C-alpha atoms as a PDB file:
ATOM      1  CA  MET A   1      21.454  -2.095 -14.294  1.00  0.00           C
ATOM      2  CA  SER A   2      20.064  -5.510 -11.771  1.00  0.00           C
ATOM      3  CA  GLU A   3      17.024  -6.179 -10.875  1.00  0.00           C
ATOM      4  CA  ARG A   4      17.268  -3.821  -7.891  1.00  0.00           C
ATOM      5  CA  GLN A   5      18.621  -0.966  -9.089  1.00  0.00           C
ATOM      6  CA  LYS A   6      15.542   0.476 -10.713  1.00  0.00           C
ATOM      7  CA  GLN A   7      11.921   0.342  -9.101  1.00  0.00           C
ATOM      8  CA  THR A   8       8.492   1.319  -9.074  1.00  0.00           C
ATOM      9  CA  PRO A   9       8.206   3.426  -5.633  1.00  0.00           C
ATOM     10  CA  ILE A  10       6.023   1.495  -3.255  1.00  0.00           C
ATOM     11  CA  LEU A  11       3.379   3.524  -0.772  1.00  0.00           C
ATOM     12  CA  GLN A  12       2.405   0.800   1.924  1.00  0.00           C
ATOM     13  CA  LEU A  13      -0.291   1.728   4.207  1.00  0.00           C
ATOM     14  CA  MET A  14      -0.179   0.489   7.546  1.00  0.00           C
ATOM     15  CA  GLY A  15      -2.245   0.733  10.310  1.00  0.00           C
ATOM     16  CA  PRO A  16      -5.060  -1.416  12.589  1.00  0.00           C
ATOM     17  CA  PRO A  17      -7.855  -2.370  11.259  1.00  0.00           C
ATOM     18  CA  GLY A  18     -10.652   0.664  11.015  1.00  0.00           C
ATOM     19  CA  GLY A  19      -8.366   3.353  10.785  1.00  0.00           C
ATOM     20  CA  GLY A  20      -9.004   4.478   7.092  1.00  0.00           C
ATOM     21  CA  LYS A  21      -6.738   2.269   5.128  1.00  0.00           C
ATOM     22  CA  THR A  22      -9.157   1.321   2.088  1.00  0.00           C
ATOM     23  CA  THR A  23     -10.512   5.124   2.506  1.00  0.00           C
ATOM     24  CA  LEU A  24      -6.993   6.800   1.740  1.00  0.00           C
ATOM     25  CA  ALA A  25      -6.080   4.099  -1.260  1.00  0.00           C
ATOM     26  CA  ARG A  26      -9.326   5.278  -2.661  1.00  0.00           C
ATOM     27  CA  LEU A  27      -8.273   8.902  -2.349  1.00  0.00           C
ATOM     28  CA  PHE A  28      -4.819   7.613  -3.406  1.00  0.00           C
ATOM     29  CA  LEU A  29      -6.531   6.173  -6.633  1.00  0.00           C
ATOM     30  CA  ASP A  30      -8.235   9.592  -7.342  1.00  0.00           C
ATOM     31  CA  ALA A  31      -4.779  11.724  -6.509  1.00  0.00           C
ATOM     32  CA  PHE A  32      -2.706   9.151  -9.227  1.00  0.00           C
ATOM     33  CA  GLN A  33      -5.875   9.539 -11.686  1.00  0.00           C
ATOM     34  CA  GLU A  34      -3.363  10.227 -14.203  1.00  0.00           C
ATOM     35  CA  ARG A  35      -0.290   7.891 -13.791  1.00  0.00           C
ATOM     36  CA  SER A  36      -0.356   4.048 -13.992  1.00  0.00           C
ATOM     37  CA  VAL A  37      -1.086   2.610 -10.378  1.00  0.00           C
ATOM     38  CA  LEU A  38      -1.931  -0.988  -9.096  1.00  0.00           C
ATOM     39  CA  ALA A  39      -3.184  -1.296  -5.282  1.00  0.00           C
ATOM     40  CA  VAL A  40      -2.229  -4.285  -4.141  1.00  0.00           C
ATOM     41  CA  ASP A  41      -4.745  -5.256  -1.349  1.00  0.00           C
ATOM     42  CA  ALA A  42      -2.884  -7.233   0.712  1.00  0.00           C
ATOM     43  CA  SER A  43      -5.832  -6.270   3.581  1.00  0.00           C
ATOM     44  CA  GLU A  44      -6.941  -9.909   5.304  1.00  0.00           C
ATOM     45  CA  ASP A  45     -10.609  -9.046   4.304  1.00  0.00           C
ATOM     46  CA  SER A  46      -9.468  -7.434   0.488  1.00  0.00           C
ATOM     47  CA  PHE A  47     -11.868  -4.285   1.928  1.00  0.00           C
ATOM     48  CA  LEU A  48     -10.065  -1.828  -1.027  1.00  0.00           C
ATOM     49  CA  SER A  49     -11.075  -4.906  -3.687  1.00  0.00           C
ATOM     50  CA  LEU A  50     -14.456  -5.674  -2.311  1.00  0.00           C
ATOM     51  CA  SER A  51     -15.418  -1.676  -2.098  1.00  0.00           C
ATOM     52  CA  TYR A  52     -15.080  -1.436  -5.655  1.00  0.00           C
ATOM     53  CA  GLY A  53     -16.620  -4.880  -6.133  1.00  0.00           C
ATOM     54  CA  VAL A  54     -13.660  -5.748  -8.080  1.00  0.00           C
ATOM     55  CA  VAL A  55     -13.790 -10.337  -8.011  1.00  0.00           C
ATOM     56  CA  PRO A  56     -10.441 -11.356  -9.611  1.00  0.00           C
ATOM     57  CA  THR A  57     -10.822 -14.477 -11.472  1.00  0.00           C
ATOM     58  CA  ALA A  58      -7.537 -15.841 -10.603  1.00  0.00           C
ATOM     59  CA  THR A  59      -4.923 -14.887  -7.017  1.00  0.00           C
ATOM     60  CA  MET A  60      -1.229 -14.731  -6.127  1.00  0.00           C
ATOM     61  CA  THR A  61      -2.642 -18.127  -4.771  1.00  0.00           C
ATOM     62  CA  THR A  62      -2.990 -19.865  -8.641  1.00  0.00           C
ATOM     63  CA  VAL A  63       0.706 -18.534  -9.554  1.00  0.00           C
ATOM     64  CA  LEU A  64       2.338 -19.944  -6.297  1.00  0.00           C
ATOM     65  CA  GLU A  65       0.027 -23.621  -6.994  1.00  0.00           C
ATOM     66  CA  GLN A  66       0.750 -23.479 -10.668  1.00  0.00           C
ATOM     67  CA  ILE A  67       5.123 -22.851  -9.385  1.00  0.00           C
ATOM     68  CA  ASP A  68       4.193 -26.015  -7.691  1.00  0.00           C
ATOM     69  CA  GLN A  69       2.782 -28.250  -9.945  1.00  0.00           C
ATOM     70  CA  GLY A  70       6.075 -27.155 -12.393  1.00  0.00           C
ATOM     71  CA  ARG A  71       3.933 -25.419 -14.882  1.00  0.00           C
ATOM     72  CA  LEU A  72       5.516 -21.974 -14.675  1.00  0.00           C
ATOM     73  CA  ASN A  73       9.077 -20.659 -15.023  1.00  0.00           C
ATOM     74  CA  ARG A  74      10.588 -17.570 -15.595  1.00  0.00           C
ATOM     75  CA  GLU A  75       9.656 -17.347 -19.243  1.00  0.00           C
ATOM     76  CA  THR A  76       6.233 -17.708 -18.659  1.00  0.00           C
ATOM     77  CA  LEU A  77       5.574 -15.975 -14.314  1.00  0.00           C
ATOM     78  CA  ASP A  78       5.558 -12.648 -16.565  1.00  0.00           C
ATOM     79  CA  TRP A  79       2.104 -13.746 -17.983  1.00  0.00           C
ATOM     80  CA  ALA A  80       0.849 -14.944 -15.526  1.00  0.00           C
ATOM     81  CA  LEU A  81       1.323 -12.403 -13.557  1.00  0.00           C
ATOM     82  CA  GLN A  82      -0.438  -9.515 -15.532  1.00  0.00           C
ATOM     83  CA  ASP A  83      -3.465 -12.039 -15.632  1.00  0.00           C
ATOM     84  CA  LEU A  84      -3.701 -11.095 -11.824  1.00  0.00           C
ATOM     85  CA  PRO A  85      -3.702  -7.510 -11.959  1.00  0.00           C
ATOM     86  CA  VAL A  86      -7.499  -6.506 -12.207  1.00  0.00           C
ATOM     87  CA  ALA A  87      -9.331  -2.730 -14.043  1.00  0.00           C
ATOM     88  CA  VAL A  88     -10.314  -0.190 -10.980  1.00  0.00           C
ATOM     89  CA  PRO A  89     -14.205   0.531 -12.426  1.00  0.00           C
ATOM     90  CA  SER A  90     -13.948   4.654 -13.339  1.00  0.00           C
ATOM     91  CA  GLU A  91      -9.983   4.806 -13.251  1.00  0.00           C
ATOM     92  CA  SER A  92      -9.047   4.109 -16.339  1.00  0.00           C
ATOM     93  CA  GLU A  93      -5.350   3.633 -15.747  1.00  0.00           C
ATOM     94  CA  SER A  94      -5.465   1.582 -12.403  1.00  0.00           C
ATOM     95  CA  ASP A  95      -5.326  -1.965 -11.108  1.00  0.00           C
ATOM     96  CA  ILE A  96      -6.327  -3.592  -7.715  1.00  0.00           C
ATOM     97  CA  LEU A  97      -3.952  -6.419  -7.700  1.00  0.00           C
ATOM     98  CA  VAL A  98      -5.289  -9.059  -4.442  1.00  0.00           C
ATOM     99  CA  TRP A  99      -2.729 -10.670  -2.594  1.00  0.00           C
ATOM    100  CA  PRO A 100      -3.491 -12.964   0.072  1.00  0.00           C
ATOM    101  CA  GLN A 101      -1.345 -13.613   2.909  1.00  0.00           C
ATOM    102  CA  PRO A 102      -0.586 -17.555   2.652  1.00  0.00           C
ATOM    103  CA  ALA A 103      -1.185 -19.783   5.261  1.00  0.00           C
ATOM    104  CA  ASN A 104       2.202 -21.727   4.661  1.00  0.00           C
ATOM    105  CA  ARG A 105       6.029 -20.225   3.984  1.00  0.00           C
ATOM    106  CA  LEU A 106       7.125 -19.702   0.672  1.00  0.00           C
ATOM    107  CA  SER A 107       8.691 -23.041  -1.038  1.00  0.00           C
ATOM    108  CA  THR A 108      12.036 -22.604  -2.418  1.00  0.00           C
ATOM    109  CA  GLU A 109      10.863 -22.413  -6.300  1.00  0.00           C
ATOM    110  CA  GLN A 110       8.341 -20.074  -5.287  1.00  0.00           C
ATOM    111  CA  GLU A 111      10.204 -17.658  -3.715  1.00  0.00           C
ATOM    112  CA  ALA A 112      12.644 -17.638  -6.050  1.00  0.00           C
ATOM    113  CA  LEU A 113      10.423 -17.031  -8.906  1.00  0.00           C
ATOM    114  CA  LEU A 114       8.297 -14.195  -7.276  1.00  0.00           C
ATOM    115  CA  SER A 115      11.250 -12.388  -5.776  1.00  0.00           C
ATOM    116  CA  TYR A 116      12.107 -12.171  -9.803  1.00  0.00           C
ATOM    117  CA  GLY A 117       8.874 -11.496 -11.113  1.00  0.00           C
ATOM    118  CA  LEU A 118       6.959  -9.528  -8.643  1.00  0.00           C
ATOM    119  CA  PRO A 119       9.597  -5.916  -9.284  1.00  0.00           C
ATOM    120  CA  ARG A 120       8.690  -7.339 -13.174  1.00  0.00           C
ATOM    121  CA  LEU A 121       5.550  -6.970 -12.741  1.00  0.00           C
ATOM    122  CA  PHE A 122       5.519  -3.446 -10.269  1.00  0.00           C
ATOM    123  CA  ARG A 123       8.051  -1.594 -12.826  1.00  0.00           C
ATOM    124  CA  THR A 124       5.404  -1.560 -15.076  1.00  0.00           C
ATOM    125  CA  TYR A 125       3.380   1.137 -12.943  1.00  0.00           C
ATOM    126  CA  ASP A 126       4.043   4.724 -11.846  1.00  0.00           C
ATOM    127  CA  VAL A 127       3.177   3.741  -8.546  1.00  0.00           C
ATOM    128  CA  ILE A 128       1.925   0.736  -6.051  1.00  0.00           C
ATOM    129  CA  ILE A 129      -0.177   1.054  -3.579  1.00  0.00           C
ATOM    130  CA  TRP A 130       0.195  -1.404  -1.027  1.00  0.00           C
ATOM    131  CA  GLU A 131      -2.615  -1.900   1.263  1.00  0.00           C
ATOM    132  CA  GLY A 132      -1.836  -3.680   4.768  1.00  0.00           C
ATOM    133  CA  THR A 133       1.163  -6.231   5.652  1.00  0.00           C
ATOM    134  CA  MET A 134       3.843  -6.382   3.383  1.00  0.00           C
ATOM    135  CA  PRO A 135       5.353  -9.885   4.541  1.00  0.00           C
ATOM    136  CA  SER A 136       9.399  -9.640   5.434  1.00  0.00           C
ATOM    137  CA  MET A 137      10.119 -11.803   2.856  1.00  0.00           C
ATOM    138  CA  VAL A 138       8.555 -10.156  -0.311  1.00  0.00           C
ATOM    139  CA  GLN A 139       9.885  -6.340   1.767  1.00  0.00           C
ATOM    140  CA  SER A 140      13.477  -8.441   1.325  1.00  0.00           C
ATOM    141  CA  TRP A 141      12.900  -8.016  -2.913  1.00  0.00           C
ATOM    142  CA  PHE A 142      13.363  -4.546  -3.178  1.00  0.00           C
ATOM    143  CA  ASN A 143      15.222  -1.870  -2.314  1.00  0.00           C
ATOM    144  CA  SER A 144      14.308  -0.431   1.100  1.00  0.00           C
ATOM    145  CA  GLU A 145      14.647   3.512  -0.222  1.00  0.00           C
ATOM    146  CA  ASP A 146      11.783   2.312  -2.645  1.00  0.00           C
ATOM    147  CA  ILE A 147       9.215   1.453   0.276  1.00  0.00           C
ATOM    148  CA  ARG A 148       7.482   4.756   2.036  1.00  0.00           C
ATOM    149  CA  PRO A 149       5.492   3.422   5.068  1.00  0.00           C
ATOM    150  CA  LEU A 150       2.798   5.712   5.316  1.00  0.00           C
ATOM    151  CA  LEU A 151       1.055   4.474   9.018  1.00  0.00           C
ATOM    152  CA  VAL A 152      -2.712   5.775   9.232  1.00  0.00           C
ATOM    153  CA  ILE A 153      -3.246   6.021  12.592  1.00  0.00           C
ATOM    154  CA  THR A 154      -5.947   7.629  14.954  1.00  0.00           C
ATOM    155  CA  PRO A 155      -5.366   9.784  18.379  1.00  0.00           C
ATOM    156  CA  GLN A 156      -6.590   5.778  19.918  1.00  0.00           C
ATOM    157  CA  ASP A 157      -3.771   3.233  18.495  1.00  0.00           C
ATOM    158  CA  GLU A 158      -1.043   3.776  21.420  1.00  0.00           C
ATOM    159  CA  ALA A 159      -0.677   0.243  21.225  1.00  0.00           C
ATOM    160  CA  PHE A 160      -0.247  -0.359  17.523  1.00  0.00           C
ATOM    161  CA  CYS A 161       2.697   2.559  17.824  1.00  0.00           C
ATOM    162  CA  GLN A 162       4.764   0.555  20.246  1.00  0.00           C
ATOM    163  CA  SER A 163       4.212  -2.707  17.860  1.00  0.00           C
ATOM    164  CA  ILE A 164       5.306  -0.978  15.274  1.00  0.00           C
ATOM    165  CA  GLN A 165       8.138   0.632  17.137  1.00  0.00           C
ATOM    166  CA  VAL A 166       8.950  -2.569  18.448  1.00  0.00           C
ATOM    167  CA  ASP A 167       8.190  -4.942  16.432  1.00  0.00           C
ATOM    168  CA  HIS A 168       8.816  -3.868  12.783  1.00  0.00           C
ATOM    169  CA  ALA A 169      11.590  -1.180  13.633  1.00  0.00           C
ATOM    170  CA  VAL A 170      10.121   1.101  10.705  1.00  0.00           C
ATOM    171  CA  ASP A 171      11.809   4.093  10.426  1.00  0.00           C
ATOM    172  CA  HIS A 172      11.286   7.073   8.389  1.00  0.00           C
ATOM    173  CA  ALA A 173       7.738   6.060   7.920  1.00  0.00           C
ATOM    174  CA  MET A 174       5.485   8.944   6.981  1.00  0.00           C
ATOM    175  CA  VAL A 175       2.105   9.346   9.924  1.00  0.00           C
ATOM    176  CA  LEU A 176      -1.234  10.762   9.370  1.00  0.00           C
ATOM    177  CA  LEU A 177      -3.882  11.237  11.782  1.00  0.00           C
ATOM    178  CA  SER A 178      -7.005   9.501  10.751  1.00  0.00           C
ATOM    179  CA  LYS A 179     -10.524  10.220  12.113  1.00  0.00           C
ATOM    180  CA  ALA A 180      -9.386  13.086  14.051  1.00  0.00           C
ATOM    181  CA  GLN A 181     -10.231  16.109  15.740  1.00  0.00           C
ATOM    182  CA  ALA A 182      -8.465  19.527  15.912  1.00  0.00           C
ATOM    183  CA  ILE A 183      -7.966  19.311  19.225  1.00  0.00           C
ATOM    184  CA  ASP A 184      -6.909  15.423  19.083  1.00  0.00           C
ATOM    185  CA  ILE A 185      -3.353  14.585  19.696  1.00  0.00           C
ATOM    186  CA  LEU A 186      -1.230  11.981  18.061  1.00  0.00           C
ATOM    187  CA  PRO A 187      -0.280   8.727  20.344  1.00  0.00           C
ATOM    188  CA  ALA A 188       2.455   9.072  22.589  1.00  0.00           C
ATOM    189  CA  THR A 189       4.948   7.104  20.661  1.00  0.00           C
ATOM    190  CA  ALA A 190       4.490   8.691  17.577  1.00  0.00           C
ATOM    191  CA  ALA A 191       5.112  11.758  18.392  1.00  0.00           C
ATOM    192  CA  PHE A 192       8.442  10.871  20.186  1.00  0.00           C
ATOM    193  CA  GLU A 193       8.945   8.735  17.261  1.00  0.00           C
ATOM    194  CA  ILE A 194       8.334  12.493  14.955  1.00  0.00           C
ATOM    195  CA  GLN A 195      10.130  14.219  17.365  1.00  0.00           C
ATOM    196  CA  ARG A 196      13.540  12.183  17.297  1.00  0.00           C
ATOM    197  CA  GLY A 197      12.728  12.902  13.152  1.00  0.00           C
ATOM    198  CA  ASN A 198      12.680   8.819  12.841  1.00  0.00           C
ATOM    199  CA  TRP A 199       8.686   9.611  11.614  1.00  0.00           C
ATOM    200  CA  ARG A 200       7.427  12.461   9.762  1.00  0.00           C
ATOM    201  CA  PHE A 201       3.486  13.920  10.429  1.00  0.00           C
ATOM    202  CA  LEU A 202       1.644  14.392   7.481  1.00  0.00           C
ATOM    203  CA  GLY A 203      -1.527  15.936   9.064  1.00  0.00           C
ATOM    204  CA  LYS A 204      -4.991  15.074  10.454  1.00  0.00           C
ATOM    205  CA  LEU A 205      -8.384  13.510   8.697  1.00  0.00           C
ATOM    206  CA  PRO A 206     -11.043  14.320  10.200  1.00  0.00           C
ATOM    207  CA  PRO A 207     -13.661  11.518  11.597  1.00  0.00           C
ATOM    208  CA  LEU A 208     -17.231  12.091   8.723  1.00  0.00           C
ATOM    209  CA  ALA A 209     -19.699   9.786   9.734  1.00  0.00           C
ATOM    210  CA  SER A 210     -21.775   9.348   6.285  1.00  0.00           C
ATOM    211  CA  PRO A 211     -20.437   8.371   3.016  1.00  0.00           C
ATOM    212  CA  GLU A 212     -21.878  12.253   0.906  1.00  0.00           C
ATOM    213  CA  LYS A 213     -19.240  14.059   3.149  1.00  0.00           C
ATOM    214  CA  ARG A 214     -17.089  11.262   3.102  1.00  0.00           C
ATOM    215  CA  VAL A 215     -16.700  12.064  -0.844  1.00  0.00           C
ATOM    216  CA  ARG A 216     -17.419  15.169  -0.616  1.00  0.00           C
ATOM    217  CA  GLU A 217     -15.145  16.656   1.894  1.00  0.00           C
ATOM    218  CA  LEU A 218     -11.939  14.214   2.259  1.00  0.00           C
ATOM    219  CA  PRO A 219     -10.226  14.573  -1.141  1.00  0.00           C
ATOM    220  CA  GLN A 220     -10.317  18.749   0.262  1.00  0.00           C
ATOM    221  CA  TYR A 221      -8.547  17.346   3.715  1.00  0.00           C
ATOM    222  CA  PHE A 222      -6.193  14.869   2.064  1.00  0.00           C
ATOM    223  CA  GLN A 223      -5.160  17.778  -0.273  1.00  0.00           C
ATOM    224  CA  GLU A 224      -2.961  19.099   1.970  1.00  0.00           C
ATOM    225  CA  CYS A 225      -1.518  15.866   3.510  1.00  0.00           C
ATOM    226  CA  PHE A 226      -0.433  14.278  -0.536  1.00  0.00           C
ATOM    227  CA  GLN A 227       1.325  17.536  -0.883  1.00  0.00           C
ATOM    228  CA  LYS A 228       4.252  16.375   1.656  1.00  0.00           C
ATOM    229  CA  LEU A 229       4.299  12.211   0.804  1.00  0.00           C
ATOM    230  CA  ASP A 230       7.819  11.386   0.308  1.00  0.00           C
ATOM    231  CA  LEU A 231       8.186  10.463  -2.859  1.00  0.00           C
ATOM    232  CA  PRO A 232      10.291  11.535  -5.930  1.00  0.00           C
ATOM    233  CA  PHE A 233       8.500  13.101  -8.759  1.00  0.00           C
ATOM    234  CA  GLY A 234       6.751  14.221 -11.097  1.00  0.00           C
ATOM    235  CA  LEU A 235       3.846  11.966  -9.300  1.00  0.00           C
ATOM    236  CA  ARG A 236       2.547  14.306  -7.706  1.00  0.00           C
ATOM    237  CA  PRO A 237      -0.143  15.950  -9.722  1.00  0.00           C
ATOM    238  CA  PRO A 238      -0.833  19.967  -8.855  1.00  0.00           C
ATOM    239  CA  SER A 239      -4.406  19.710  -7.379  1.00  0.00           C
ATOM    240  CA  ILE A 240      -7.026  16.864  -6.917  1.00  0.00           C
END
């Protein structure tokens, strides 16, 4: 079986800043607490890792530099990548991998090694939660059906939905309406794609101002949405 025929599902959280992706990622880590989970923090400000107080001693940038210096090959790359994830405090089976957006396009050698090593690293986990932008080059290293886009949007995010529709051509995405009251409706583009059957609506998460309410009430609202996820399993627990 080839490297790309058997892969861990990747749940990609996409949305504009402030939409609730980091909060949702933390809810997923709680929901998958009986599973081995890798959360990839590819957000511009590394909010997910900072929310847990995670400060990695080495990052993907370190690995890229080592590749450029000729210090890594296929045999040693696995060890280097396995050193990058940091255990999430209080989440016994969860790790975080900080993925900084490289300033320049990957070199031929960097791409060749990472396209080999990253799928191998991901396969050691039950599920991957990717928060933030996933470069198209990285997407090409995986089977498209293994990447499950989840759009985390608010009722005001019509411009983002249009950009996703036009620029990213996301098909078969799941949609979660965040920070939404009961009377709030989906942005027009999202509603159109759902009506066409291209996107699938999971539900709403309400705006909760205080951290105490978010901790206490969000998991209750999240439960119903979580059960509707398009994931193969097995991985879905009966309750959170």
